[in-house]
Protein backbone atom coordinates (compact mmCIF):
# COMPACT_ATOMS: atom_id res chain seq x y z
CA MET A 1 6.61 -0.43 -3.81
CA CYS A 2 2.89 -0.30 -3.11
CA HIS A 3 1.20 3.08 -2.70
CA ILE A 4 -1.72 3.30 -0.26
CA LEU A 5 -4.28 6.01 0.45
CA TYR A 6 -5.47 5.90 4.07
CA LEU A 7 -8.50 7.92 5.26
CA ASP A 8 -9.59 8.09 8.91
CA ASP A 9 -10.98 10.89 11.07
CA GLU A 10 -8.63 9.93 13.92
CA ARG A 11 -5.09 11.25 13.36
CA ILE A 12 -3.50 8.84 15.89
CA ILE A 13 -4.90 5.83 14.01
CA LEU A 14 -3.55 7.21 10.73
CA ASP A 15 -0.10 7.81 12.20
CA LEU A 16 0.11 4.32 13.70
CA GLY A 17 -1.17 2.69 10.52
CA ARG A 18 1.19 4.64 8.30
CA GLU A 19 4.18 3.82 10.52
CA TYR A 20 3.37 0.11 10.46
CA LEU A 21 2.69 -0.07 6.72
CA GLU A 22 5.81 1.90 5.82
CA THR A 23 8.28 0.23 8.20
CA GLU A 24 6.97 -3.32 8.37
CA VAL A 25 5.42 -3.77 4.93
CA GLY A 26 7.47 -1.31 2.87
CA CYS A 27 4.57 0.64 1.38
CA LYS A 28 4.31 4.35 0.73
CA VAL A 29 1.23 5.68 2.57
CA ASP A 30 -0.60 8.97 2.03
CA THR A 31 -2.88 9.80 4.97
CA THR A 32 -5.64 12.30 5.52
CA THR A 33 -8.46 13.01 7.95
CA SER A 34 -10.35 14.92 5.27
CA PRO A 35 -12.68 13.11 2.86
CA ASP A 36 -12.37 16.01 0.42
CA GLU A 37 -8.58 15.73 0.48
CA ALA A 38 -8.85 11.94 0.08
CA ILE A 39 -10.95 12.43 -3.05
CA ALA A 40 -8.42 14.93 -4.41
CA LEU A 41 -5.49 12.63 -3.65
CA PHE A 42 -7.31 9.69 -5.23
CA THR A 43 -7.92 11.60 -8.45
CA GLN A 44 -4.33 12.92 -8.61
CA ASN A 45 -2.41 9.73 -7.79
CA ASP A 46 -2.28 6.08 -8.70
CA TYR A 47 -2.89 3.95 -5.62
CA ASP A 48 -2.57 0.21 -5.22
CA CYS A 49 -5.03 0.12 -2.33
CA ILE A 50 -7.32 2.35 -0.30
CA ILE A 51 -7.94 1.96 3.43
CA SER A 52 -10.83 3.89 4.95
CA ASP A 53 -12.66 4.20 8.22
CA TYR A 54 -16.35 3.29 7.99
CA MET A 55 -17.86 5.91 10.30
CA MET A 56 -16.67 9.50 9.81
CA PRO A 57 -18.43 12.79 10.56
CA ASP A 58 -18.28 14.58 7.19
CA LEU A 59 -18.51 11.77 4.67
CA SER A 60 -19.12 8.14 5.49
CA GLY A 61 -16.73 5.48 4.32
CA VAL A 62 -19.55 4.06 2.22
CA GLU A 63 -20.00 7.37 0.41
CA PHE A 64 -16.25 7.51 -0.19
CA LEU A 65 -16.32 3.93 -1.49
CA LYS A 66 -19.08 4.86 -3.95
CA ILE A 67 -16.97 7.76 -5.29
CA VAL A 68 -13.95 5.47 -5.66
CA ARG A 69 -15.96 2.78 -7.43
CA GLU A 70 -17.39 5.33 -9.88
CA LYS A 71 -13.84 6.33 -10.87
CA ASN A 72 -12.02 2.99 -10.56
CA SER A 73 -13.90 -0.21 -9.91
CA LYS A 74 -10.83 -2.42 -9.56
CA ILE A 75 -8.74 -0.76 -6.84
CA PRO A 76 -8.73 -2.82 -3.63
CA PHE A 77 -10.73 -1.05 -0.91
CA VAL A 78 -10.42 -2.01 2.76
CA PHE A 79 -12.59 -0.76 5.60
CA PHE A 80 -10.65 -0.54 8.88
CA THR A 81 -13.13 0.43 11.52
CA GLY A 82 -14.30 0.16 15.10
CA LYS A 83 -17.84 -0.54 13.86
CA ALA A 84 -17.88 -4.31 14.11
CA GLU A 85 -21.49 -5.31 13.57
CA LEU A 86 -21.94 -8.14 11.09
CA ASN A 87 -24.59 -6.28 9.09
CA VAL A 88 -22.17 -3.35 8.64
CA ALA A 89 -19.49 -5.66 7.25
CA ILE A 90 -21.99 -7.34 4.93
CA ASP A 91 -23.22 -3.97 3.66
CA ALA A 92 -19.64 -2.81 3.06
CA VAL A 93 -18.77 -5.91 1.03
CA ASN A 94 -22.05 -5.73 -0.90
CA LEU A 95 -21.24 -2.14 -1.84
CA GLY A 96 -17.88 -3.16 -3.27
CA ALA A 97 -15.41 -3.23 -0.39
CA ASP A 98 -12.80 -5.95 -0.76
CA PHE A 99 -12.13 -6.45 2.93
CA PHE A 100 -13.42 -5.35 6.32
CA LEU A 101 -11.16 -5.23 9.39
CA GLN A 102 -12.09 -4.31 12.94
CA LYS A 103 -9.83 -1.93 14.86
CA ASP A 104 -8.47 -3.58 17.99
């Protein structure tokens, strides 16, 4: 079973994403709206993938990605965001994101 860490500042998005990933895909999903909690969870658990929003008030998804890459450069990292500009997606991939999905 895959184990996913999912960070987003919108609780409703987290709940919908977790429900889908757990029921339809069969993954275990840890969710949080707190970047600090996400960092703590990441350091305490082994995850198969990380999903993160790009734009958050306390810590940007890019800053979170940099922390993750410093600790584990191989874990798949997906941005799932409403920020859909091409330059944002290019920046995310150049900084080490594996995939960039637009919320719709």
